[in-house]
């Protein structure tokens, strides 16, 4: 890997992610990237958004065993792990990629993990979760304004 690629993490995957044209293309990329994802983002880039987001949620919603949290676009489970450290124990995760969900399952942070496309309609009652957290998903090439117009959680 070149020095500039190392500074950007695994640019092979990052470039493909940001140029993806459809959810099915994103799914394929993330399925392939899943085993190295955390190394590339956390190890190479020092990615801290999951911890910061979990801390922000805990600042406005005191963790308790009864609270239900949805981690939308959970990826490999980085956010779920941080939420568990803070005392959130009832976390469900959804993600487009089965490969990412397989990695998230290894964390033990989630009560359930479900494959779901956030760019479409989700069949979740509006009052089912106390909070929804979404880190790194509402971005260009992912679930942006045009893709998420029908999103109702």
Foldseek 3Di string as FASTA:
>chain_A
DDPVCLLQFNVVLVVQLQPDDDLVSNQVSLLVCQVCVCCRCCVRHVDDQLLVQLVVCCVVPPADAPAEEEEEQCFLNSNLLNNVVRRHQEYEYEHQYPNRVVNNVVSVSYPYYYYDQQLAEDPDDQPPGPYYHYPPAADRSHNDDVSNVHYDD
